[in-house]
Amino acid sequence: MQTLFVDGIANIALIDGVVRVDLVNITRAGNDQADFRPVGVIAMPLQGMLRMHDQLQKAIDRMIQDGVLKRAETPTAPDDAPEES
């Protein structure tokens, strides 16, 4: 089995029922500009991507419960904000 380290995803495409996810690593060049280097592609059926999404969400939920991550709070407008006319 091969292990890849990736920094992120460059592109996701659905072609003929197959989801293709382009994996990249980020390399730094001068002036803090990020360059992306492709390192691989994951190709799976759409149902497989949906199952993966479910498993990732469960892992994130466990990390939140364990205090490893904090859920980002969604900013809300104050109730007494003046209305525009």
PDB file of N, CA and C in Angstrom:
ATOM      1  N   MET A   1       0.848  -1.174   0.000  1.00  0.00           N
ATOM      2  CA  MET A   1       0.000   0.000   0.000  1.00  0.00           C
ATOM      3  C   MET A   1       0.897   1.242   0.000  1.00  0.00           C
ATOM      4  N   GLN A   2       0.535   2.234  -0.781  1.00  0.00           N
ATOM      5  CA  GLN A   2       1.316   3.460  -0.887  1.00  0.00           C
ATOM      6  C   GLN A   2       0.690   4.552  -0.027  1.00  0.00           C
ATOM      7  N   THR A   3       1.519   5.307   0.691  1.00  0.00           N
ATOM      8  CA  THR A   3       1.049   6.430   1.487  1.00  0.00           C
ATOM      9  C   THR A   3       1.507   7.713   0.830  1.00  0.00           C
ATOM     10  N   LEU A   4       0.568   8.642   0.616  1.00  0.00           N
ATOM     11  CA  LEU A   4       0.879   9.951   0.045  1.00  0.00           C
ATOM     12  C   LEU A   4       0.610  11.016   1.091  1.00  0.00           C
ATOM     13  N   PHE A   5       1.508  11.964   1.214  1.00  0.00           N
ATOM     14  CA  PHE A   5       1.219  13.142   2.020  1.00  0.00           C
ATOM     15  C   PHE A   5       0.764  14.228   1.066  1.00  0.00           C
ATOM     16  N   VAL A   6      -0.391  14.829   1.333  1.00  0.00           N
ATOM     17  CA  VAL A   6      -0.899  15.912   0.490  1.00  0.00           C
ATOM     18  C   VAL A   6      -1.285  17.088   1.366  1.00  0.00           C
ATOM     19  N   ASP A   7      -1.113  18.276   0.822  1.00  0.00           N
ATOM     20  CA  ASP A   7      -1.531  19.491   1.517  1.00  0.00           C
ATOM     21  C   ASP A   7      -2.957  19.875   1.187  1.00  0.00           C
ATOM     22  N   GLY A   8      -3.464  19.380   0.069  1.00  0.00           N
ATOM     23  CA  GLY A   8      -4.823  19.773  -0.278  1.00  0.00           C
ATOM     24  C   GLY A   8      -5.269  19.215  -1.607  1.00  0.00           C
ATOM     25  N   ILE A   9      -6.359  19.791  -2.063  1.00  0.00           N
ATOM     26  CA  ILE A   9      -7.013  19.386  -3.304  1.00  0.00           C
ATOM     27  C   ILE A   9      -6.990  20.562  -4.267  1.00  0.00           C
ATOM     28  N   ALA A  10      -6.597  20.310  -5.500  1.00  0.00           N
ATOM     29  CA  ALA A  10      -6.565  21.363  -6.504  1.00  0.00           C
ATOM     30  C   ALA A  10      -7.854  21.413  -7.312  1.00  0.00           C
ATOM     31  N   ASN A  11      -8.466  20.278  -7.525  1.00  0.00           N
ATOM     32  CA  ASN A  11      -9.634  20.242  -8.396  1.00  0.00           C
ATOM     33  C   ASN A  11     -10.437  18.975  -8.110  1.00  0.00           C
ATOM     34  N   ILE A  12     -11.743  19.087  -8.264  1.00  0.00           N
ATOM     35  CA  ILE A  12     -12.631  17.924  -8.179  1.00  0.00           C
ATOM     36  C   ILE A  12     -13.514  17.949  -9.415  1.00  0.00           C
ATOM     37  N   ALA A  13     -13.573  16.831 -10.122  1.00  0.00           N
ATOM     38  CA  ALA A  13     -14.388  16.761 -11.333  1.00  0.00           C
ATOM     39  C   ALA A  13     -15.180  15.460 -11.337  1.00  0.00           C
ATOM     40  N   LEU A  14     -16.403  15.530 -11.843  1.00  0.00           N
ATOM     41  CA  LEU A  14     -17.241  14.353 -12.031  1.00  0.00           C
ATOM     42  C   LEU A  14     -17.324  14.088 -13.522  1.00  0.00           C
ATOM     43  N   ILE A  15     -16.760  12.951 -13.945  1.00  0.00           N
ATOM     44  CA  ILE A  15     -16.734  12.603 -15.366  1.00  0.00           C
ATOM     45  C   ILE A  15     -17.264  11.183 -15.510  1.00  0.00           C
ATOM     46  N   ASP A  16     -18.372  11.044 -16.225  1.00  0.00           N
ATOM     47  CA  ASP A  16     -18.982   9.727 -16.481  1.00  0.00           C
ATOM     48  C   ASP A  16     -19.202   8.932 -15.191  1.00  0.00           C
ATOM     49  N   GLY A  17     -19.685   9.606 -14.145  1.00  0.00           N
ATOM     50  CA  GLY A  17     -19.992   8.925 -12.900  1.00  0.00           C
ATOM     51  C   GLY A  17     -18.799   8.648 -12.007  1.00  0.00           C
ATOM     52  N   VAL A  18     -17.616   9.098 -12.415  1.00  0.00           N
ATOM     53  CA  VAL A  18     -16.405   8.890 -11.628  1.00  0.00           C
ATOM     54  C   VAL A  18     -15.917  10.244 -11.125  1.00  0.00           C
ATOM     55  N   VAL A  19     -15.725  10.330  -9.810  1.00  0.00           N
ATOM     56  CA  VAL A  19     -15.210  11.562  -9.205  1.00  0.00           C
ATOM     57  C   VAL A  19     -13.690  11.490  -9.234  1.00  0.00           C
ATOM     58  N   ARG A  20     -13.079  12.522  -9.763  1.00  0.00           N
ATOM     59  CA  ARG A  20     -11.617  12.606  -9.818  1.00  0.00           C
ATOM     60  C   ARG A  20     -11.176  13.782  -8.957  1.00  0.00           C
ATOM     61  N   VAL A  21     -10.286  13.495  -7.992  1.00  0.00           N
ATOM     62  CA  VAL A  21      -9.805  14.491  -7.050  1.00  0.00           C
ATOM     63  C   VAL A  21      -8.302  14.644  -7.265  1.00  0.00           C
ATOM     64  N   ASP A  22      -7.882  15.838  -7.692  1.00  0.00           N
ATOM     65  CA  ASP A  22      -6.463  16.112  -7.909  1.00  0.00           C
ATOM     66  C   ASP A  22      -5.824  16.526  -6.589  1.00  0.00           C
ATOM     67  N   LEU A  23      -4.800  15.786  -6.164  1.00  0.00           N
ATOM     68  CA  LEU A  23      -4.113  16.037  -4.904  1.00  0.00           C
ATOM     69  C   LEU A  23      -2.835  16.832  -5.148  1.00  0.00           C
ATOM     70  N   VAL A  24      -2.552  17.784  -4.261  1.00  0.00           N
ATOM     71  CA  VAL A  24      -1.373  18.639  -4.446  1.00  0.00           C
ATOM     72  C   VAL A  24      -0.605  18.805  -3.140  1.00  0.00           C
ATOM     73  N   ASN A  25       0.660  19.136  -3.282  1.00  0.00           N
ATOM     74  CA  ASN A  25       1.479  19.623  -2.185  1.00  0.00           C
ATOM     75  C   ASN A  25       1.777  21.081  -2.468  1.00  0.00           C
ATOM     76  N   ILE A  26       1.935  21.848  -1.411  1.00  0.00           N
ATOM     77  CA  ILE A  26       2.228  23.269  -1.543  1.00  0.00           C
ATOM     78  C   ILE A  26       3.712  23.473  -1.286  1.00  0.00           C
ATOM     79  N   THR A  27       4.359  24.168  -2.196  1.00  0.00           N
ATOM     80  CA  THR A  27       5.750  24.536  -2.006  1.00  0.00           C
ATOM     81  C   THR A  27       5.829  26.047  -1.960  1.00  0.00           C
ATOM     82  N   ARG A  28       6.716  26.560  -1.166  1.00  0.00           N
ATOM     83  CA  ARG A  28       6.844  28.020  -1.016  1.00  0.00           C
ATOM     84  C   ARG A  28       7.931  28.538  -1.948  1.00  0.00           C
ATOM     85  N   ALA A  29       7.624  29.612  -2.620  1.00  0.00           N
ATOM     86  CA  ALA A  29       8.605  30.325  -3.423  1.00  0.00           C
ATOM     87  C   ALA A  29       8.765  31.705  -2.795  1.00  0.00           C
ATOM     88  N   GLY A  30       9.647  32.517  -3.304  1.00  0.00           N
ATOM     89  CA  GLY A  30       9.898  33.836  -2.730  1.00  0.00           C
ATOM     90  C   GLY A  30       8.642  34.659  -2.545  1.00  0.00           C
ATOM     91  N   ASN A  31       8.687  35.601  -1.605  1.00  0.00           N
ATOM     92  CA  ASN A  31       7.584  36.522  -1.303  1.00  0.00           C
ATOM     93  C   ASN A  31       6.312  35.804  -0.854  1.00  0.00           C
ATOM     94  N   ASP A  32       6.462  34.671  -0.176  1.00  0.00           N
ATOM     95  CA  ASP A  32       5.320  33.919   0.364  1.00  0.00           C
ATOM     96  C   ASP A  32       4.295  33.514  -0.687  1.00  0.00           C
ATOM     97  N   GLN A  33       4.721  33.353  -1.914  1.00  0.00           N
ATOM     98  CA  GLN A  33       3.812  32.876  -2.951  1.00  0.00           C
ATOM     99  C   GLN A  33       3.786  31.352  -2.893  1.00  0.00           C
ATOM    100  N   ALA A  34       2.601  30.800  -2.904  1.00  0.00           N
ATOM    101  CA  ALA A  34       2.466  29.349  -2.846  1.00  0.00           C
ATOM    102  C   ALA A  34       2.435  28.772  -4.255  1.00  0.00           C
ATOM    103  N   ASP A  35       3.213  27.730  -4.460  1.00  0.00           N
ATOM    104  CA  ASP A  35       3.177  26.972  -5.708  1.00  0.00           C
ATOM    105  C   ASP A  35       2.620  25.601  -5.390  1.00  0.00           C
ATOM    106  N   PHE A  36       1.784  25.090  -6.280  1.00  0.00           N
ATOM    107  CA  PHE A  36       1.158  23.795  -6.079  1.00  0.00           C
ATOM    108  C   PHE A  36       1.810  22.769  -6.989  1.00  0.00           C
ATOM    109  N   ARG A  37       2.162  21.631  -6.410  1.00  0.00           N
ATOM    110  CA  ARG A  37       2.772  20.543  -7.173  1.00  0.00           C
ATOM    111  C   ARG A  37       1.845  19.347  -7.115  1.00  0.00           C
ATOM    112  N   PRO A  38       1.354  18.863  -8.267  1.00  0.00           N
ATOM    113  CA  PRO A  38       0.468  17.695  -8.253  1.00  0.00           C
ATOM    114  C   PRO A  38       1.215  16.463  -7.756  1.00  0.00           C
ATOM    115  N   VAL A  39       0.544  15.673  -6.907  1.00  0.00           N
ATOM    116  CA  VAL A  39       1.174  14.457  -6.391  1.00  0.00           C
ATOM    117  C   VAL A  39       0.353  13.206  -6.659  1.00  0.00           C
ATOM    118  N   GLY A  40      -0.880  13.357  -7.091  1.00  0.00           N
ATOM    119  CA  GLY A  40      -1.683  12.184  -7.374  1.00  0.00           C
ATOM    120  C   GLY A  40      -3.119  12.527  -7.667  1.00  0.00           C
ATOM    121  N   VAL A  41      -3.879  11.510  -8.024  1.00  0.00           N
ATOM    122  CA  VAL A  41      -5.302  11.648  -8.316  1.00  0.00           C
ATOM    123  C   VAL A  41      -6.028  10.498  -7.636  1.00  0.00           C
ATOM    124  N   ILE A  42      -7.147  10.812  -6.998  1.00  0.00           N
ATOM    125  CA  ILE A  42      -8.041   9.777  -6.485  1.00  0.00           C
ATOM    126  C   ILE A  42      -9.215   9.717  -7.448  1.00  0.00           C
ATOM    127  N   ALA A  43      -9.550   8.529  -7.911  1.00  0.00           N
ATOM    128  CA  ALA A  43     -10.703   8.335  -8.787  1.00  0.00           C
ATOM    129  C   ALA A  43     -11.607   7.303  -8.118  1.00  0.00           C
ATOM    130  N   MET A  44     -12.889   7.676  -7.934  1.00  0.00           N
ATOM    131  CA  MET A  44     -13.830   6.771  -7.271  1.00  0.00           C
ATOM    132  C   MET A  44     -15.237   7.033  -7.781  1.00  0.00           C
ATOM    133  N   PRO A  45     -16.113   6.039  -7.649  1.00  0.00           N
ATOM    134  CA  PRO A  45     -17.503   6.270  -8.043  1.00  0.00           C
ATOM    135  C   PRO A  45     -18.136   7.315  -7.126  1.00  0.00           C
ATOM    136  N   LEU A  46     -19.161   7.966  -7.604  1.00  0.00           N
ATOM    137  CA  LEU A  46     -19.844   9.006  -6.842  1.00  0.00           C
ATOM    138  C   LEU A  46     -20.304   8.481  -5.478  1.00  0.00           C
ATOM    139  N   GLN A  47     -20.834   7.272  -5.432  1.00  0.00           N
ATOM    140  CA  GLN A  47     -21.267   6.697  -4.152  1.00  0.00           C
ATOM    141  C   GLN A  47     -20.090   6.527  -3.192  1.00  0.00           C
ATOM    142  N   GLY A  48     -18.928   6.201  -3.723  1.00  0.00           N
ATOM    143  CA  GLY A  48     -17.739   6.082  -2.891  1.00  0.00           C
ATOM    144  C   GLY A  48     -17.351   7.425  -2.297  1.00  0.00           C
ATOM    145  N   MET A  49     -17.479   8.500  -3.070  1.00  0.00           N
ATOM    146  CA  MET A  49     -17.176   9.836  -2.559  1.00  0.00           C
ATOM    147  C   MET A  49     -18.151  10.219  -1.450  1.00  0.00           C
ATOM    148  N   LEU A  50     -19.420   9.869  -1.616  1.00  0.00           N
ATOM    149  CA  LEU A  50     -20.411  10.170  -0.585  1.00  0.00           C
ATOM    150  C   LEU A  50     -20.121   9.412   0.708  1.00  0.00           C
ATOM    151  N   ARG A  51     -19.701   8.151   0.584  1.00  0.00           N
ATOM    152  CA  ARG A  51     -19.318   7.387   1.779  1.00  0.00           C
ATOM    153  C   ARG A  51     -18.082   8.002   2.442  1.00  0.00           C
ATOM    154  N   MET A  52     -17.122   8.445   1.627  1.00  0.00           N
ATOM    155  CA  MET A  52     -15.925   9.078   2.161  1.00  0.00           C
ATOM    156  C   MET A  52     -16.292  10.368   2.907  1.00  0.00           C
ATOM    157  N   HIS A  53     -17.192  11.147   2.346  1.00  0.00           N
ATOM    158  CA  HIS A  53     -17.644  12.374   2.993  1.00  0.00           C
ATOM    159  C   HIS A  53     -18.247  12.057   4.363  1.00  0.00           C
ATOM    160  N   ASP A  54     -19.069  11.034   4.431  1.00  0.00           N
ATOM    161  CA  ASP A  54     -19.689  10.638   5.695  1.00  0.00           C
ATOM    162  C   ASP A  54     -18.628  10.240   6.717  1.00  0.00           C
ATOM    163  N   GLN A  55     -17.644   9.464   6.305  1.00  0.00           N
ATOM    164  CA  GLN A  55     -16.582   9.037   7.217  1.00  0.00           C
ATOM    165  C   GLN A  55     -15.733  10.220   7.682  1.00  0.00           C
ATOM    166  N   LEU A  56     -15.429  11.149   6.782  1.00  0.00           N
ATOM    167  CA  LEU A  56     -14.663  12.343   7.163  1.00  0.00           C
ATOM    168  C   LEU A  56     -15.452  13.194   8.154  1.00  0.00           C
ATOM    169  N   GLN A  57     -16.761  13.332   7.931  1.00  0.00           N
ATOM    170  CA  GLN A  57     -17.576  14.129   8.844  1.00  0.00           C
ATOM    171  C   GLN A  57     -17.610  13.487  10.231  1.00  0.00           C
ATOM    172  N   LYS A  58     -17.712  12.166  10.286  1.00  0.00           N
ATOM    173  CA  LYS A  58     -17.699  11.475  11.577  1.00  0.00           C
ATOM    174  C   LYS A  58     -16.356  11.670  12.281  1.00  0.00           C
ATOM    175  N   ALA A  59     -15.260  11.635  11.528  1.00  0.00           N
ATOM    176  CA  ALA A  59     -13.936  11.839  12.124  1.00  0.00           C
ATOM    177  C   ALA A  59     -13.805  13.261  12.664  1.00  0.00           C
ATOM    178  N   ILE A  60     -14.309  14.240  11.927  1.00  0.00           N
ATOM    179  CA  ILE A  60     -14.275  15.634  12.381  1.00  0.00           C
ATOM    180  C   ILE A  60     -15.113  15.799  13.633  1.00  0.00           C
ATOM    181  N   ASP A  61     -16.296  15.204  13.657  1.00  0.00           N
ATOM    182  CA  ASP A  61     -17.160  15.285  14.832  1.00  0.00           C
ATOM    183  C   ASP A  61     -16.474  14.697  16.068  1.00  0.00           C
ATOM    184  N   ARG A  62     -15.763  13.558  15.893  1.00  0.00           N
ATOM    185  CA  ARG A  62     -15.041  12.955  17.013  1.00  0.00           C
ATOM    186  C   ARG A  62     -13.922  13.891  17.495  1.00  0.00           C
ATOM    187  N   MET A  63     -13.216  14.527  16.574  1.00  0.00           N
ATOM    188  CA  MET A  63     -12.138  15.449  16.956  1.00  0.00           C
ATOM    189  C   MET A  63     -12.686  16.660  17.707  1.00  0.00           C
ATOM    190  N   ILE A  64     -13.872  17.107  17.336  1.00  0.00           N
ATOM    191  CA  ILE A  64     -14.515  18.214  18.057  1.00  0.00           C
ATOM    192  C   ILE A  64     -14.896  17.755  19.459  1.00  0.00           C
ATOM    193  N   GLN A  65     -15.480  16.564  19.575  1.00  0.00           N
ATOM    194  CA  GLN A  65     -15.849  16.027  20.887  1.00  0.00           C
ATOM    195  C   GLN A  65     -14.630  15.849  21.786  1.00  0.00           C
ATOM    196  N   ASP A  66     -13.497  15.447  21.190  1.00  0.00           N
ATOM    197  CA  ASP A  66     -12.265  15.221  21.955  1.00  0.00           C
ATOM    198  C   ASP A  66     -11.513  16.513  22.242  1.00  0.00           C
ATOM    199  N   GLY A  67     -11.980  17.643  21.698  1.00  0.00           N
ATOM    200  CA  GLY A  67     -11.329  18.923  21.942  1.00  0.00           C
ATOM    201  C   GLY A  67     -10.127  19.195  21.057  1.00  0.00           C
ATOM    202  N   VAL A  68      -9.904  18.344  20.066  1.00  0.00           N
ATOM    203  CA  VAL A  68      -8.783  18.545  19.148  1.00  0.00           C
ATOM    204  C   VAL A  68      -9.083  19.705  18.200  1.00  0.00           C
ATOM    205  N   LEU A  69     -10.337  19.829  17.786  1.00  0.00           N
ATOM    206  CA  LEU A  69     -10.795  20.897  16.890  1.00  0.00           C
ATOM    207  C   LEU A  69     -11.907  21.679  17.570  1.00  0.00           C
ATOM    208  N   LYS A  70     -12.084  22.918  17.118  1.00  0.00           N
ATOM    209  CA  LYS A  70     -13.224  23.724  17.551  1.00  0.00           C
ATOM    210  C   LYS A  70     -14.047  24.049  16.320  1.00  0.00           C
ATOM    211  N   ARG A  71     -15.362  23.967  16.473  1.00  0.00           N
ATOM    212  CA  ARG A  71     -16.250  24.303  15.361  1.00  0.00           C
ATOM    213  C   ARG A  71     -16.247  25.811  15.185  1.00  0.00           C
ATOM    214  N   ALA A  72     -16.092  26.267  13.956  1.00  0.00           N
ATOM    215  CA  ALA A  72     -16.110  27.701  13.667  1.00  0.00           C
ATOM    216  C   ALA A  72     -17.512  28.239  13.912  1.00  0.00           C
ATOM    217  N   GLU A  73     -17.579  29.352  14.616  1.00  0.00           N
ATOM    218  CA  GLU A  73     -18.872  29.975  14.873  1.00  0.00           C
ATOM    219  C   GLU A  73     -19.246  30.841  13.686  1.00  0.00           C
ATOM    220  N   THR A  74     -20.516  30.774  13.305  1.00  0.00           N
ATOM    221  CA  THR A  74     -21.013  31.583  12.201  1.00  0.00           C
ATOM    222  C   THR A  74     -21.417  32.942  12.748  1.00  0.00           C
ATOM    223  N   PRO A  75     -20.821  34.022  12.220  1.00  0.00           N
ATOM    224  CA  PRO A  75     -21.208  35.331  12.735  1.00  0.00           C
ATOM    225  C   PRO A  75     -22.662  35.636  12.409  1.00  0.00           C
ATOM    226  N   THR A  76     -23.355  36.248  13.353  1.00  0.00           N
ATOM    227  CA  THR A  76     -24.751  36.613  13.137  1.00  0.00           C
ATOM    228  C   THR A  76     -24.887  38.115  13.302  1.00  0.00           C
ATOM    229  N   ALA A  77     -25.823  38.680  12.604  1.00  0.00           N
ATOM    230  CA  ALA A  77     -26.087  40.117  12.716  1.00  0.00           C
ATOM    231  C   ALA A  77     -26.789  40.393  14.031  1.00  0.00           C
ATOM    232  N   PRO A  78     -26.431  41.470  14.716  1.00  0.00           N
ATOM    233  CA  PRO A  78     -27.130  41.791  15.969  1.00  0.00           C
ATOM    234  C   PRO A  78     -28.603  42.074  15.707  1.00  0.00           C
ATOM    235  N   ASP A  79     -29.452  41.693  16.670  1.00  0.00           N
ATOM    236  CA  ASP A  79     -30.896  41.889  16.520  1.00  0.00           C
ATOM    237  C   ASP A  79     -31.262  43.365  16.463  1.00  0.00           C
ATOM    238  N   ASP A  80     -30.448  44.228  17.102  1.00  0.00           N
ATOM    239  CA  ASP A  80     -30.796  45.640  17.133  1.00  0.00           C
ATOM    240  C   ASP A  80     -30.050  46.458  16.069  1.00  0.00           C
ATOM    241  N   ALA A  81     -29.579  45.796  15.015  1.00  0.00           N
ATOM    242  CA  ALA A  81     -28.884  46.510  13.936  1.00  0.00           C
ATOM    243  C   ALA A  81     -29.882  47.413  13.213  1.00  0.00           C
ATOM    244  N   PRO A  82     -29.459  48.650  12.925  1.00  0.00           N
ATOM    245  CA  PRO A  82     -30.377  49.553  12.214  1.00  0.00           C
ATOM    246  C   PRO A  82     -30.692  49.057  10.811  1.00  0.00           C
ATOM    247  N   GLU A  83     -31.910  49.239  10.403  1.00  0.00           N
ATOM    248  CA  GLU A  83     -32.319  48.815   9.058  1.00  0.00           C
ATOM    249  C   GLU A  83     -31.978  49.911   8.072  1.00  0.00           C
ATOM    250  N   GLU A  84     -31.584  49.495   6.861  1.00  0.00           N
ATOM    251  CA  GLU A  84     -31.291  50.473   5.818  1.00  0.00           C
ATOM    252  C   GLU A  84     -32.601  50.891   5.158  1.00  0.00           C
ATOM    253  N   SER A  85     -32.716  52.183   4.808  1.00  0.00           N
ATOM    254  CA  SER A  85     -33.935  52.633   4.161  1.00  0.00           C
ATOM    255  C   SER A  85     -33.719  52.976   2.722  1.00  0.00           C
TER     256      SER A  85
END
